Protein backbone atom coordinates (compact mmCIF):
# COMPACT_ATOMS: atom_id res chain seq x y z
CA MET A 1 290.39 173.11 138.58
CA SER A 2 287.46 175.13 137.31
CA VAL A 3 285.69 177.08 140.06
CA ALA A 4 282.34 176.54 138.31
CA ALA A 5 282.93 172.77 138.23
CA LEU A 6 283.97 172.86 141.89
CA GLU A 7 280.79 174.73 142.83
CA LEU A 8 278.62 172.28 140.89
CA VAL A 9 280.17 169.22 142.56
CA LEU A 10 279.85 170.88 145.98
CA LEU A 11 276.19 171.64 145.18
CA ASP A 12 275.73 167.97 144.30
CA TYR A 13 277.13 166.98 147.69
CA ALA A 14 274.98 169.55 149.47
CA PHE A 15 271.94 167.93 147.83
CA MET A 16 273.16 164.50 148.93
CA TRP A 17 273.44 165.81 152.50
CA SER A 18 269.93 167.23 152.35
CA LEU A 19 268.62 163.82 151.30
CA ALA A 20 270.54 161.95 153.98
CA LEU A 21 269.47 164.30 156.75
CA GLY A 22 265.97 165.32 155.71
CA PHE A 23 264.29 162.94 153.31
CA PHE A 24 264.68 159.38 154.49
CA ARG A 25 262.49 157.99 157.25
CA ARG A 26 264.36 157.51 160.50
CA SER A 27 262.84 155.39 163.24
CA GLU A 28 265.86 155.27 165.54
CA ARG A 29 269.23 156.86 166.15
CA PRO A 30 271.54 156.17 163.18
CA PRO A 31 273.90 153.26 163.92
CA LEU A 32 277.59 153.19 163.05
CA ALA A 33 276.87 151.49 159.68
CA TRP A 34 274.81 154.54 158.61
CA TRP A 35 277.70 156.87 159.39
CA LEU A 36 280.25 154.63 157.68
CA THR A 37 278.17 154.30 154.51
CA GLY A 38 277.72 158.08 154.37
CA LEU A 39 281.33 158.90 155.20
CA HIS A 40 281.97 160.00 151.62
CA PHE A 41 279.37 162.78 152.04
CA ALA A 42 281.87 164.52 154.35
CA VAL A 43 285.19 163.32 152.94
CA ALA A 44 284.65 164.12 149.25
CA PRO A 45 283.83 167.84 149.70
CA MET A 46 286.80 168.20 152.04
CA LEU A 47 289.08 166.58 149.45
CA LEU A 48 287.83 169.01 146.82
CA ILE A 49 288.35 172.07 148.97
CA LEU A 50 291.83 170.93 150.05
CA ALA A 51 292.77 170.21 146.41
CA TRP A 52 291.42 173.57 145.28
CA ARG A 53 293.45 175.35 147.99
CA GLY A 54 296.56 173.41 146.94
CA VAL A 55 296.85 171.72 150.34
CA LEU A 56 296.05 168.16 149.34
CA PRO A 57 299.20 166.17 148.66
CA GLY A 58 299.19 163.54 145.96
CA VAL A 59 296.83 165.24 143.50
CA TRP A 60 298.01 164.19 140.08
CA GLY A 61 299.15 167.15 138.06
CA VAL A 62 296.71 167.54 135.22
CA GLY A 63 296.93 170.60 133.03
CA GLY A 64 296.07 172.02 129.64
CA PHE A 65 293.62 170.11 127.49
CA LEU A 66 293.47 167.20 129.93
CA ARG A 67 292.45 169.58 132.75
CA CYS A 68 289.64 170.95 130.56
CA LEU A 69 288.56 167.42 129.68
CA PHE A 70 288.58 166.31 133.32
CA ASP A 71 286.65 169.42 134.39
CA GLY A 72 284.08 168.71 131.66
CA LEU A 73 283.75 165.07 132.72
CA SER A 74 283.33 166.21 136.32
CA VAL A 75 280.55 168.59 135.28
CA LEU A 76 278.79 165.83 133.30
CA LEU A 77 279.03 163.36 136.18
CA ALA A 78 277.88 165.89 138.80
CA THR A 79 274.99 166.99 136.58
CA GLY A 80 274.02 163.36 136.02
CA SER A 81 274.18 162.76 139.76
CA LEU A 82 271.98 165.77 140.52
CA VAL A 83 269.44 164.82 137.86
CA ILE A 84 269.21 161.19 139.02
CA LEU A 85 268.97 162.20 142.69
CA ALA A 86 266.37 164.92 142.03
CA LEU A 87 264.24 162.67 139.80
CA THR A 88 264.43 159.83 142.30
CA ARG A 89 263.58 162.12 145.22
CA GLY A 90 260.76 163.79 143.29
CA ASN A 91 259.31 160.43 142.31
CA GLN A 92 258.85 159.20 145.88
CA ARG A 93 255.32 159.06 147.25
CA VAL A 94 256.50 158.38 150.81
CA ARG A 95 259.73 158.82 152.72
CA LEU A 96 261.88 155.75 152.19
CA SER A 97 263.22 153.46 154.88
CA GLN A 98 266.76 153.79 156.17
CA TRP A 99 268.18 150.33 155.60
CA HIS A 100 270.68 150.63 158.40
CA MET A 101 267.87 150.97 160.93
CA GLN A 102 266.69 147.65 162.33
CA GLN A 103 263.23 148.99 163.20
CA ASP A 104 262.64 150.69 159.83
CA ALA A 105 261.04 148.00 157.68
CA PRO A 106 259.71 148.94 154.23
CA GLU A 107 255.98 149.21 153.68
CA SER A 108 256.13 148.73 149.92
CA ILE A 109 258.57 148.33 147.06
CA VAL A 110 259.20 151.31 144.80
CA THR A 111 259.28 150.09 141.17
CA TRP A 112 258.32 153.22 139.25
CA GLY A 113 260.25 156.24 137.96
CA PRO A 114 264.03 155.81 138.17
CA HIS A 115 263.45 152.62 140.20
CA ALA A 116 261.94 151.08 137.05
CA ILE A 117 265.38 151.41 135.42
CA VAL A 118 267.69 150.47 138.33
CA ARG A 119 266.94 149.17 141.81
CA HIS A 120 269.22 151.67 143.57
CA PRO A 121 269.03 155.03 141.75
CA PHE A 122 270.03 157.01 144.86
CA TYR A 123 273.22 154.96 145.05
CA VAL A 124 273.89 155.48 141.35
CA GLY A 125 273.66 159.24 141.97
CA TYR A 126 276.08 159.00 144.91
CA ILE A 127 278.57 157.00 142.84
CA LEU A 128 278.40 159.49 139.96
CA GLY A 129 279.09 162.27 142.47
CA ALA A 130 282.14 160.45 143.82
CA ALA A 131 283.38 159.91 140.25
CA ALA A 132 282.96 163.66 139.62
CA VAL A 133 285.25 164.29 142.61
CA LEU A 134 287.90 161.98 141.14
CA PHE A 135 287.92 163.85 137.82
CA LEU A 136 287.93 167.27 139.47
CA ALA A 137 290.73 166.42 141.93
CA PRO A 138 292.47 163.40 140.39
CA GLY A 139 294.69 161.71 142.92
CA PHE A 140 295.04 158.81 145.28
CA PRO A 141 292.74 160.29 147.99
CA SER A 142 289.92 160.86 145.48
CA LEU A 143 290.41 157.39 144.02
CA VAL A 144 290.22 155.86 147.52
CA CYS A 145 287.05 157.90 148.16
CA LEU A 146 285.41 156.57 144.97
CA VAL A 147 286.39 152.95 145.69
CA TYR A 148 285.17 153.30 149.29
CA THR A 149 281.87 154.82 148.12
CA VAL A 150 281.24 152.04 145.60
CA GLY A 151 282.18 149.35 148.11
CA ALA A 152 280.03 150.78 150.91
CA LEU A 153 277.01 151.17 148.63
CA VAL A 154 277.34 147.70 147.12
CA LEU A 155 277.51 146.18 150.61
CA THR A 156 274.54 148.28 151.74
CA ALA A 157 272.52 147.30 148.65
CA ARG A 158 273.23 143.62 149.26
CA ARG A 159 272.17 143.94 152.89
CA GLU A 160 268.99 145.77 151.85
CA GLU A 161 268.13 143.14 149.29
CA ARG A 162 268.70 140.24 151.70
CA ARG A 163 266.33 141.89 154.18
CA LEU A 164 263.73 142.55 151.48
CA LEU A 165 263.89 139.02 150.12
CA ALA A 166 263.37 137.66 153.66
CA SER A 167 260.42 139.99 154.31
CA ALA A 168 256.74 139.65 153.44
CA LEU A 169 257.59 141.53 150.24
CA GLY A 170 260.17 138.90 149.22
CA ALA A 171 258.35 137.36 146.25
CA GLU A 172 257.49 140.77 144.80
CA TYR A 173 261.08 141.94 145.27
CA ALA A 174 262.52 138.77 143.68
CA ALA A 175 260.42 139.42 140.56
CA TYR A 176 261.59 143.06 140.55
CA MET A 177 265.23 141.92 140.84
CA ALA A 178 264.78 139.57 137.88
CA ARG A 179 263.76 142.39 135.56
CA THR A 180 265.76 145.36 136.96
CA GLY A 181 269.52 145.80 137.36
CA ALA A 182 270.95 146.94 140.68
CA PHE A 183 273.12 149.84 139.45
CA TRP A 184 272.96 149.44 135.70
CA PRO A 185 269.81 149.00 133.57
CA ARG A 186 268.97 145.46 132.55
CA TRP A 187 267.53 145.93 129.10
CA SER A 188 267.26 143.37 126.41
CA PHE A 189 266.28 143.85 122.78
CA ARG A 190 263.09 141.93 123.48
CA ASP A 191 262.12 144.40 126.26
CA ARG A 192 262.28 147.28 123.81
CA PHE A 193 260.03 145.89 121.07
């Protein structure tokens, strides 16, 4: 495992933590669902450090060219995660709602910047970060962490979208959903020309 790649992925997770703790609007004490969705913020860095120290059992032995390839993929994914997260954070005009908070209703729908490409760019960044962990420390624990992260974020996104569709912003959000993919861009040839 490359130390530079390890440091980059850990930096990515430090940025994720800074967003979770300092950027989003919080109107109440975080409920259990908030902690469970963000569990990967704590688990993934620990997995990396344990793998780097040689303590983590079950890390698939990857060496030689494959190790260099996996380190490179990890760097690309972590860089992509940081770029998406930084652009999304920098594009916000107000602090966003925490969807796990019952009292924290949105005031508007963000449809510009990275949100014009996908509805959940923060979640895309988190998933790329978890994928970077898998390539840096390939093994069953990292795979479980990635699957858990994707599952938790998909469930959270669905819950968010149900609440938005049922809100006063429902019609506007339904139109936004029709033209924008959740985690992957929804582009057609016609949209481009």
